[in-house]
């Protein structure tokens, strides 16, 4: 006579790596398996919402903070590389609008505006930006009105001179021209000056609102970023073409233009 014994597969969250044994072993704390019948501890992975920071096959599952997407079996190596042996759906990633470095991938920064940080693999920025967190353009480039980095050129230097000069001269000139003759009723010229002043103030308000720590629609963030020039943002005018990316140099340059 021959006898046979059917083996039950280990349930999800357990595995058995010893042939002939009927007892299943639990995955390490905070870890689980994807399917039934796992035969190795390598089939275990940290549960969704946590990430394994252990090395050499060890398990240390930590909760994923704000700005991180952590599916089942997320690992710190997968976050850095953007790849997983389990497949692309098991790759952890940085959310759009957040940033971290490859050296410290779990130290997450919230970008303002969010459109500057594309998310994905740590150290990734949008629009050609660099730095931490995606705050400056590479040497020889400057932020454009749309937020993208563009090459420094003669036009940038012209803007840098023309806009601050106009910001000082035009209001003074408009004041004296509008007060050459005092009338009981505003002239078309004065009405136009007042309308331009109101439009300028409204544009400044929109630019300031865009700087607030709130989640805005992408279209509003883009528009607000372009309006930063109304706040006399020197970066939008190409000041980095002269000052470079050194923060102290940029600050001193701002003081020299707008003391």
Protein backbone atom coordinates (compact mmCIF):
# COMPACT_ATOMS: atom_id res chain seq x y z
CA UNK A 1 0.00 0.00 0.00
CA UNK A 2 1.03 3.53 -0.59
CA UNK A 3 -0.03 6.54 1.38
CA UNK A 4 -0.02 10.17 0.45
CA UNK A 5 -0.25 13.33 2.47
CA UNK A 6 -1.45 16.54 0.87
CA UNK A 7 0.31 19.67 2.08
CA UNK A 8 -1.60 22.88 2.77
CA UNK A 9 -0.06 26.02 1.44
CA UNK A 10 1.03 28.59 3.98
CA UNK A 11 -1.41 31.49 4.32
CA UNK A 12 -0.59 35.08 3.38
CA UNK A 13 1.90 36.53 5.84
CA UNK A 14 3.65 33.18 6.44
CA UNK A 15 6.20 30.99 4.64
CA UNK A 16 7.87 27.58 4.96
CA UNK A 17 11.45 27.07 3.83
CA UNK A 18 12.05 23.58 5.31
CA UNK A 19 10.97 20.62 3.21
CA UNK A 20 8.74 18.15 5.04
CA UNK A 21 7.78 20.53 7.82
CA UNK A 22 4.09 21.16 8.45
CA UNK A 23 4.54 24.38 10.40
CA UNK A 24 4.55 27.76 8.67
CA UNK A 25 6.73 30.60 9.84
CA UNK A 26 5.54 34.16 10.30
CA UNK A 27 7.11 36.94 8.27
CA UNK A 28 9.10 39.49 10.32
CA UNK A 29 7.09 42.17 12.18
CA UNK A 30 5.38 44.57 9.80
CA UNK A 31 5.96 42.28 6.78
CA UNK A 32 3.69 40.02 4.77
CA UNK A 33 3.63 37.97 1.58
CA UNK A 34 1.78 38.65 -1.65
CA UNK A 35 0.36 35.16 -2.23
CA UNK A 36 -0.33 31.82 -0.58
CA UNK A 37 2.30 29.10 -0.41
CA UNK A 38 5.44 31.19 0.09
CA UNK A 39 8.56 29.04 0.52
CA UNK A 40 11.17 31.63 1.49
CA UNK A 41 11.58 34.63 3.75
CA UNK A 42 12.55 36.44 0.57
CA UNK A 43 8.85 36.30 -0.36
CA UNK A 44 8.08 38.55 2.62
CA UNK A 45 7.94 42.29 2.19
CA UNK A 46 6.94 45.27 4.26
CA UNK A 47 3.22 45.96 4.16
CA UNK A 48 1.81 48.77 2.04
CA UNK A 49 2.39 52.15 3.67
CA UNK A 50 5.77 51.13 5.09
CA UNK A 51 9.26 50.66 3.68
CA UNK A 52 12.09 48.26 4.50
CA UNK A 53 15.28 50.11 5.46
CA UNK A 54 17.11 46.93 6.49
CA UNK A 55 20.22 45.73 4.68
CA UNK A 56 21.54 42.33 3.60
CA UNK A 57 18.15 40.64 3.71
CA UNK A 58 17.15 41.94 7.15
CA UNK A 59 13.78 43.54 7.82
CA UNK A 60 13.20 46.93 9.44
CA UNK A 61 9.83 48.24 8.33
CA UNK A 62 9.24 51.95 8.94
CA UNK A 63 6.04 53.92 8.21
CA UNK A 64 6.22 56.05 5.06
CA UNK A 65 5.77 59.72 5.82
CA UNK A 66 4.05 62.47 3.88
CA UNK A 67 5.22 62.69 0.29
CA UNK A 68 6.05 58.98 -0.09
CA UNK A 69 4.10 56.29 -1.92
CA UNK A 70 4.97 52.85 -0.54
CA UNK A 71 3.26 49.78 -2.04
CA UNK A 72 3.71 46.26 -0.65
CA UNK A 73 7.34 45.09 -0.49
CA UNK A 74 8.82 48.61 -0.71
CA UNK A 75 12.54 48.83 -0.01
CA UNK A 76 14.97 51.71 0.41
CA UNK A 77 17.00 50.32 -2.49
CA UNK A 78 13.94 50.30 -4.73
CA UNK A 79 13.21 53.90 -3.79
CA UNK A 80 16.73 54.99 -4.74
CA UNK A 81 16.85 53.04 -8.01
CA UNK A 82 13.23 53.35 -9.11
CA UNK A 83 13.14 49.60 -9.77
CA UNK A 84 11.84 46.46 -8.06
CA UNK A 85 12.35 42.77 -8.81
CA UNK A 86 8.64 42.30 -8.08
CA UNK A 87 7.58 44.62 -10.90
CA UNK A 88 6.94 48.32 -11.48
CA UNK A 89 3.76 48.34 -9.36
CA UNK A 90 5.90 47.56 -6.31
CA UNK A 91 8.32 50.48 -6.73
CA UNK A 92 8.14 53.11 -3.98
CA UNK A 93 8.34 56.72 -5.17
CA UNK A 94 8.32 60.35 -4.13
CA UNK A 95 5.00 62.11 -4.74
CA UNK A 96 4.79 65.02 -7.16
CA UNK A 97 5.45 68.26 -5.28
CA UNK A 98 7.92 66.63 -2.88
CA UNK A 99 11.68 66.13 -2.95
CA UNK A 100 14.39 64.11 -1.21
CA UNK A 101 18.04 63.42 -1.88
CA UNK A 102 19.58 60.11 -2.85
CA UNK A 103 21.76 60.29 0.28
CA UNK A 104 18.78 60.75 2.64
CA UNK A 105 15.76 59.52 0.65
CA UNK A 106 13.42 59.46 3.66
CA UNK A 107 13.98 63.13 4.53
CA UNK A 108 11.15 64.62 2.49
CA UNK A 109 10.83 68.30 1.54
CA UNK A 110 7.59 69.90 0.39
CA UNK A 111 8.28 72.05 -2.69
CA UNK A 112 6.77 75.49 -3.20
CA UNK A 113 5.50 75.66 -5.85
CA UNK A 114 4.81 71.96 -6.23
CA UNK A 115 5.35 72.09 -10.00
CA UNK A 116 9.11 72.47 -9.38
CA UNK A 117 9.37 68.88 -8.07
CA UNK A 118 8.26 66.08 -10.37
CA UNK A 119 8.56 63.30 -7.80
CA UNK A 120 9.60 59.75 -8.67
CA UNK A 121 13.20 58.85 -7.82
CA UNK A 122 14.90 60.92 -5.06
CA UNK A 123 16.93 63.83 -6.39
CA UNK A 124 14.59 64.43 -9.36
CA UNK A 125 13.53 67.99 -10.22
CA UNK A 126 11.28 69.43 -12.92
CA UNK A 127 12.07 72.03 -15.59
CA UNK A 128 15.83 71.52 -15.37
CA UNK A 129 16.04 72.82 -11.80
CA UNK A 130 18.71 71.63 -9.37
CA UNK A 131 19.55 72.10 -5.70
CA UNK A 132 17.65 71.28 -2.56
CA UNK A 133 14.75 71.32 -2.95
CA UNK A 134 14.75 72.11 -6.68
CA UNK A 135 15.25 75.82 -6.01
CA UNK A 136 17.83 77.02 -8.54
CA UNK A 137 18.88 76.61 -12.16
CA UNK A 138 22.30 75.22 -13.18
CA UNK A 139 25.18 77.62 -13.70
CA UNK A 140 24.72 79.63 -16.90
CA UNK A 141 20.92 79.34 -16.79
CA UNK A 142 18.14 81.33 -15.13
CA UNK A 143 14.45 80.71 -14.34
CA UNK A 144 12.05 81.82 -17.07
CA UNK A 145 8.61 83.32 -16.54
CA UNK A 146 7.08 79.84 -16.92
CA UNK A 147 9.44 78.36 -14.31
CA UNK A 148 11.67 76.50 -16.77
CA UNK A 149 15.41 77.09 -16.84
CA UNK A 150 16.73 78.87 -19.92
CA UNK A 151 20.18 79.93 -21.09
CA UNK A 152 21.48 83.34 -20.03
CA UNK A 153 21.66 85.78 -22.93
CA UNK A 154 21.75 89.46 -23.81
CA UNK A 155 17.97 89.72 -23.47
CA UNK A 156 18.18 88.59 -19.84
CA UNK A 157 20.68 91.30 -18.99
CA UNK A 158 18.47 93.87 -20.72
CA UNK A 159 15.46 92.80 -18.64
CA UNK A 160 17.54 92.96 -15.47
CA UNK A 161 18.39 96.60 -16.16
CA UNK A 162 15.11 97.73 -17.71
CA UNK A 163 12.59 96.37 -15.19
CA UNK A 164 14.11 97.81 -11.97
CA UNK A 165 14.67 101.12 -13.75
CA UNK A 166 11.08 101.23 -14.95
CA UNK A 167 9.82 100.26 -11.47
CA UNK A 168 11.41 103.43 -10.10
CA UNK A 169 10.99 105.89 -12.99
CA UNK A 170 7.47 105.08 -14.23
CA UNK A 171 5.58 105.69 -10.94
CA UNK A 172 7.36 109.01 -10.42
CA UNK A 173 6.73 110.11 -13.99
CA UNK A 174 3.08 109.02 -13.86
CA UNK A 175 2.54 110.94 -10.60
CA UNK A 176 3.85 114.23 -11.99
CA UNK A 177 2.07 113.87 -15.34
CA UNK A 178 -1.27 113.10 -13.70
CA UNK A 179 -1.00 116.10 -11.37
CA UNK A 180 0.04 118.75 -13.88
CA UNK A 181 -3.53 120.03 -13.95
CA UNK A 182 -6.11 119.45 -11.21
CA UNK A 183 -9.63 118.93 -12.55
CA UNK A 184 -12.95 118.12 -10.90
CA UNK A 185 -13.31 115.06 -13.13
CA UNK A 186 -10.57 112.56 -13.84
CA UNK A 187 -9.12 112.79 -17.32
CA UNK A 188 -8.81 109.68 -19.52
CA UNK A 189 -5.08 109.70 -18.81
CA UNK A 190 -5.62 109.70 -15.04
CA UNK A 191 -8.29 106.99 -15.34
CA UNK A 192 -5.84 104.87 -17.32
CA UNK A 193 -3.11 105.38 -14.72
CA UNK A 194 -5.49 104.34 -11.93
CA UNK A 195 -6.62 101.27 -13.87
CA UNK A 196 -3.01 100.23 -14.43
CA UNK A 197 -2.29 100.72 -10.72
CA UNK A 198 -5.24 98.54 -9.75
CA UNK A 199 -4.19 95.82 -12.23
CA UNK A 200 -0.62 95.92 -10.91
CA UNK A 201 -1.83 95.60 -7.30
CA UNK A 202 -4.10 92.70 -8.25
CA UNK A 203 -1.21 90.92 -9.99
CA UNK A 204 0.96 91.38 -6.89
CA UNK A 205 -1.82 89.95 -4.71
CA UNK A 206 -2.10 86.85 -6.91
CA UNK A 207 1.68 86.42 -6.77
CA UNK A 208 1.66 86.64 -2.96
CA UNK A 209 -1.28 84.20 -2.66
CA UNK A 210 0.66 81.69 -4.74
CA UNK A 211 3.49 81.78 -2.19
CA UNK A 212 1.20 80.67 0.65
CA UNK A 213 1.53 77.15 2.06
CA UNK A 214 -1.60 75.76 0.46
CA UNK A 215 -2.31 73.25 -2.28
CA UNK A 216 -3.27 75.17 -5.41
CA UNK A 217 -4.36 73.92 -8.80
CA UNK A 218 -1.44 73.42 -11.19
CA UNK A 219 -2.76 76.12 -13.52
CA UNK A 220 -2.90 78.67 -10.69
CA UNK A 221 0.58 77.71 -9.46
CA UNK A 222 1.99 78.24 -12.95
CA UNK A 223 0.26 81.60 -13.33
CA UNK A 224 1.33 82.74 -9.87
CA UNK A 225 4.92 81.71 -10.54
CA UNK A 226 4.94 83.81 -13.70
CA UNK A 227 3.59 86.80 -11.76
CA UNK A 228 6.52 86.74 -9.33
CA UNK A 229 8.10 89.39 -11.54
CA UNK A 230 5.44 91.77 -10.18
CA UNK A 231 7.10 91.34 -6.78
CA UNK A 232 10.38 92.41 -8.39
CA UNK A 233 11.70 88.87 -8.10
CA UNK A 234 15.24 89.22 -9.44
CA UNK A 235 15.47 85.54 -10.34
CA UNK A 236 12.69 86.02 -12.89
CA UNK A 237 14.67 88.89 -14.35
CA UNK A 238 17.81 86.78 -14.77
CA UNK A 239 19.81 88.00 -11.76
CA UNK A 240 21.35 84.54 -11.36
CA UNK A 241 23.14 85.10 -14.70
CA UNK A 242 25.24 87.68 -12.84
CA UNK A 243 25.20 86.54 -9.22
CA UNK A 244 25.33 82.78 -9.82
CA UNK A 245 23.70 80.39 -7.35
CA UNK A 246 25.50 81.58 -4.20
CA UNK A 247 22.76 82.71 -1.75
CA UNK A 248 24.90 85.42 -0.14
CA UNK A 249 25.84 86.94 -3.50
CA UNK A 250 22.21 86.94 -4.59
CA UNK A 251 21.12 88.60 -1.34
CA UNK A 252 23.75 91.32 -1.61
CA UNK A 253 22.75 91.93 -5.21
CA UNK A 254 19.12 92.35 -4.18
CA UNK A 255 20.13 94.90 -1.53
CA UNK A 256 22.19 96.86 -4.05
CA UNK A 257 19.25 97.13 -6.48
CA UNK A 258 16.43 97.57 -3.94
CA UNK A 259 18.09 98.96 -0.77
